[in-house]
N, C-alpha and C. Protein backbone atom coordinates (compact mmCIF):
# COMPACT_ATOMS: atom_id res chain seq x y z
N UNK A 1 -26.09 -21.51 28.22
CA UNK A 1 -25.40 -20.24 28.42
C UNK A 1 -26.26 -19.08 27.96
N UNK A 2 -26.89 -19.25 26.80
CA UNK A 2 -27.74 -18.19 26.28
C UNK A 2 -28.92 -17.94 27.22
N UNK A 3 -29.45 -19.01 27.80
CA UNK A 3 -30.56 -18.87 28.73
C UNK A 3 -30.12 -18.12 29.97
N UNK A 4 -28.95 -18.43 30.48
CA UNK A 4 -28.45 -17.74 31.67
C UNK A 4 -28.27 -16.26 31.40
N UNK A 5 -27.74 -15.92 30.22
CA UNK A 5 -27.57 -14.51 29.88
C UNK A 5 -28.91 -13.81 29.75
N UNK A 6 -29.89 -14.49 29.16
CA UNK A 6 -31.22 -13.91 29.02
C UNK A 6 -31.85 -13.70 30.39
N UNK A 7 -31.68 -14.67 31.28
CA UNK A 7 -32.22 -14.54 32.64
C UNK A 7 -31.58 -13.36 33.36
N UNK A 8 -30.27 -13.21 33.20
CA UNK A 8 -29.59 -12.09 33.84
C UNK A 8 -30.08 -10.76 33.28
N UNK A 9 -30.29 -10.70 31.98
CA UNK A 9 -30.78 -9.48 31.35
C UNK A 9 -32.19 -9.17 31.85
N UNK A 10 -33.05 -10.18 31.91
CA UNK A 10 -34.41 -9.97 32.40
C UNK A 10 -34.39 -9.52 33.85
N UNK A 11 -33.51 -10.11 34.64
CA UNK A 11 -33.40 -9.74 36.05
C UNK A 11 -32.98 -8.28 36.18
N UNK A 12 -32.03 -7.85 35.35
CA UNK A 12 -31.58 -6.46 35.40
C UNK A 12 -32.70 -5.52 35.01
N UNK A 13 -33.48 -5.89 34.00
CA UNK A 13 -34.61 -5.05 33.58
C UNK A 13 -35.62 -4.96 34.70
N UNK A 14 -35.90 -6.08 35.36
CA UNK A 14 -36.87 -6.06 36.45
C UNK A 14 -36.37 -5.20 37.60
N UNK A 15 -35.08 -5.30 37.92
CA UNK A 15 -34.53 -4.47 39.00
C UNK A 15 -34.66 -3.00 38.64
N UNK A 16 -34.36 -2.65 37.37
CA UNK A 16 -34.48 -1.26 36.94
C UNK A 16 -35.93 -0.79 37.08
N UNK A 17 -36.87 -1.63 36.70
CA UNK A 17 -38.28 -1.27 36.81
C UNK A 17 -38.70 -1.12 38.26
N UNK A 18 -38.18 -1.98 39.13
CA UNK A 18 -38.50 -1.85 40.55
C UNK A 18 -38.03 -0.49 41.07
N UNK A 19 -36.81 -0.14 40.75
CA UNK A 19 -36.23 1.10 41.27
C UNK A 19 -36.92 2.31 40.65
N UNK A 20 -37.15 2.28 39.34
CA UNK A 20 -37.73 3.43 38.66
C UNK A 20 -39.18 3.64 39.04
N UNK A 21 -39.97 2.58 39.09
CA UNK A 21 -41.40 2.72 39.31
C UNK A 21 -41.78 2.51 40.77
N UNK A 22 -40.99 1.78 41.50
CA UNK A 22 -41.30 1.54 42.90
C UNK A 22 -42.31 0.42 43.12
N UNK A 23 -42.68 -0.29 42.10
CA UNK A 23 -43.61 -1.41 42.24
C UNK A 23 -43.48 -2.33 41.03
N UNK A 24 -43.99 -3.54 41.18
CA UNK A 24 -43.96 -4.46 40.03
C UNK A 24 -45.02 -3.99 39.05
N UNK A 25 -44.64 -3.76 37.82
CA UNK A 25 -45.59 -3.31 36.82
C UNK A 25 -46.57 -4.43 36.49
N UNK A 26 -47.81 -4.03 36.16
CA UNK A 26 -48.83 -5.03 35.83
C UNK A 26 -48.37 -5.91 34.67
N UNK A 27 -47.63 -5.34 33.75
CA UNK A 27 -47.20 -6.13 32.59
C UNK A 27 -46.33 -7.30 33.01
N UNK A 28 -45.54 -7.14 34.06
CA UNK A 28 -44.70 -8.25 34.53
C UNK A 28 -45.57 -9.35 35.10
N UNK A 29 -46.58 -8.96 35.89
CA UNK A 29 -47.47 -9.95 36.47
C UNK A 29 -48.30 -10.62 35.37
N UNK A 30 -48.75 -9.85 34.39
CA UNK A 30 -49.53 -10.43 33.29
C UNK A 30 -48.67 -11.39 32.48
N UNK A 31 -47.42 -11.05 32.31
CA UNK A 31 -46.51 -11.94 31.58
C UNK A 31 -46.36 -13.26 32.31
N UNK A 32 -46.46 -13.24 33.62
CA UNK A 32 -46.40 -14.48 34.39
C UNK A 32 -47.65 -15.32 34.16
N UNK A 33 -48.70 -14.71 33.62
CA UNK A 33 -49.91 -15.45 33.29
C UNK A 33 -50.77 -15.80 34.47
N UNK A 34 -50.67 -15.01 35.55
CA UNK A 34 -51.44 -15.33 36.74
C UNK A 34 -52.07 -14.06 37.28
N UNK A 35 -53.21 -13.66 36.70
CA UNK A 35 -53.83 -12.41 37.09
C UNK A 35 -54.37 -12.47 38.52
N UNK A 36 -54.85 -13.63 38.93
CA UNK A 36 -55.32 -13.77 40.31
C UNK A 36 -54.15 -13.59 41.26
N UNK A 37 -53.00 -14.17 40.90
CA UNK A 37 -51.81 -14.03 41.73
C UNK A 37 -51.34 -12.60 41.80
N UNK A 38 -51.61 -11.82 40.76
CA UNK A 38 -51.18 -10.42 40.77
C UNK A 38 -51.83 -9.68 41.92
N UNK A 39 -53.12 -9.95 42.15
CA UNK A 39 -53.80 -9.30 43.27
C UNK A 39 -53.30 -9.81 44.61
N UNK A 40 -53.11 -11.11 44.72
CA UNK A 40 -52.69 -11.70 45.99
C UNK A 40 -51.26 -11.32 46.35
N UNK A 41 -50.44 -11.13 45.33
CA UNK A 41 -49.02 -10.85 45.57
C UNK A 41 -48.71 -9.36 45.64
N UNK A 42 -49.74 -8.52 45.58
CA UNK A 42 -49.49 -7.08 45.53
C UNK A 42 -48.69 -6.60 46.75
N UNK A 43 -49.07 -7.07 47.94
CA UNK A 43 -48.34 -6.65 49.14
C UNK A 43 -46.89 -7.11 49.11
N UNK A 44 -46.68 -8.36 48.72
CA UNK A 44 -45.32 -8.88 48.63
C UNK A 44 -44.53 -8.14 47.56
N UNK A 45 -45.20 -7.80 46.47
CA UNK A 45 -44.53 -7.08 45.39
C UNK A 45 -44.07 -5.71 45.87
N UNK A 46 -44.91 -5.04 46.65
CA UNK A 46 -44.53 -3.72 47.16
C UNK A 46 -43.35 -3.83 48.11
N UNK A 47 -43.32 -4.87 48.93
CA UNK A 47 -42.18 -5.07 49.82
C UNK A 47 -40.90 -5.31 49.04
N UNK A 48 -40.99 -6.14 48.00
CA UNK A 48 -39.82 -6.39 47.16
C UNK A 48 -39.38 -5.11 46.47
N UNK A 49 -40.34 -4.34 45.99
CA UNK A 49 -40.00 -3.10 45.30
C UNK A 49 -39.28 -2.16 46.25
N UNK A 50 -39.76 -2.07 47.50
CA UNK A 50 -39.10 -1.21 48.47
C UNK A 50 -37.67 -1.69 48.72
N UNK A 51 -37.51 -3.01 48.85
CA UNK A 51 -36.17 -3.55 49.11
C UNK A 51 -35.22 -3.24 47.96
N UNK A 52 -35.68 -3.42 46.72
CA UNK A 52 -34.83 -3.12 45.57
C UNK A 52 -34.52 -1.63 45.50
N UNK A 53 -35.54 -0.78 45.74
CA UNK A 53 -35.32 0.66 45.67
C UNK A 53 -34.35 1.10 46.77
N UNK A 54 -34.50 0.54 47.97
CA UNK A 54 -33.61 0.90 49.07
C UNK A 54 -32.19 0.47 48.75
N UNK A 55 -32.04 -0.73 48.21
CA UNK A 55 -30.72 -1.24 47.84
C UNK A 55 -30.10 -0.34 46.78
N UNK A 56 -30.90 0.08 45.80
CA UNK A 56 -30.40 0.96 44.75
C UNK A 56 -29.90 2.28 45.30
N UNK A 57 -30.65 2.87 46.24
CA UNK A 57 -30.23 4.14 46.85
C UNK A 57 -28.94 3.95 47.64
N UNK A 58 -28.84 2.83 48.36
CA UNK A 58 -27.64 2.57 49.15
C UNK A 58 -26.42 2.44 48.24
N UNK A 59 -26.60 1.76 47.11
CA UNK A 59 -25.48 1.60 46.17
C UNK A 59 -25.08 2.95 45.59
N UNK A 60 -26.06 3.77 45.24
CA UNK A 60 -25.74 5.09 44.69
C UNK A 60 -24.98 5.93 45.71
N UNK A 61 -25.35 5.83 46.97
CA UNK A 61 -24.65 6.59 48.01
C UNK A 61 -23.20 6.14 48.12
N UNK A 62 -22.97 4.84 47.99
CA UNK A 62 -21.60 4.33 48.10
C UNK A 62 -20.73 4.76 46.92
N UNK A 63 -21.35 5.09 45.80
CA UNK A 63 -20.59 5.51 44.64
C UNK A 63 -20.06 6.93 44.77
N UNK A 64 -20.65 7.72 45.68
CA UNK A 64 -20.23 9.11 45.81
C UNK A 64 -18.89 9.18 46.55
N UNK A 65 -17.96 9.99 46.07
CA UNK A 65 -16.65 10.10 46.73
C UNK A 65 -16.75 10.56 48.18
N UNK A 66 -17.66 11.49 48.47
CA UNK A 66 -17.79 11.99 49.84
C UNK A 66 -18.17 10.86 50.79
N UNK A 67 -19.04 9.99 50.35
CA UNK A 67 -19.46 8.87 51.19
C UNK A 67 -18.29 7.93 51.42
N UNK A 68 -17.49 7.69 50.39
CA UNK A 68 -16.33 6.82 50.56
C UNK A 68 -15.36 7.42 51.58
N UNK A 69 -15.14 8.73 51.50
CA UNK A 69 -14.22 9.36 52.46
C UNK A 69 -14.74 9.19 53.88
N UNK A 70 -16.05 9.35 54.08
CA UNK A 70 -16.61 9.20 55.42
C UNK A 70 -16.45 7.77 55.92
N UNK A 71 -16.66 6.79 55.02
CA UNK A 71 -16.54 5.40 55.43
C UNK A 71 -15.10 5.03 55.74
N UNK A 72 -14.15 5.63 55.02
CA UNK A 72 -12.75 5.28 55.20
C UNK A 72 -12.07 6.05 56.33
N UNK A 73 -12.70 7.08 56.80
CA UNK A 73 -11.98 7.83 57.82
C UNK A 73 -12.86 8.71 58.56
């Protein structure tokens, strides 16, 4: 249970970093212990970052009352 909570917390931090910075920070890749993979995965990381950032913007738009009114009517 503690591991699951830690994984969820780490996942939330990574999502926040994706949205705030727009890319996977080098520290995350270094923590994975694969510096060669960091270079190879750069393109994939940018795509993931874009997906998370886009999802974050979409969620923020849904939180606005004006957007809810438009969706409901």
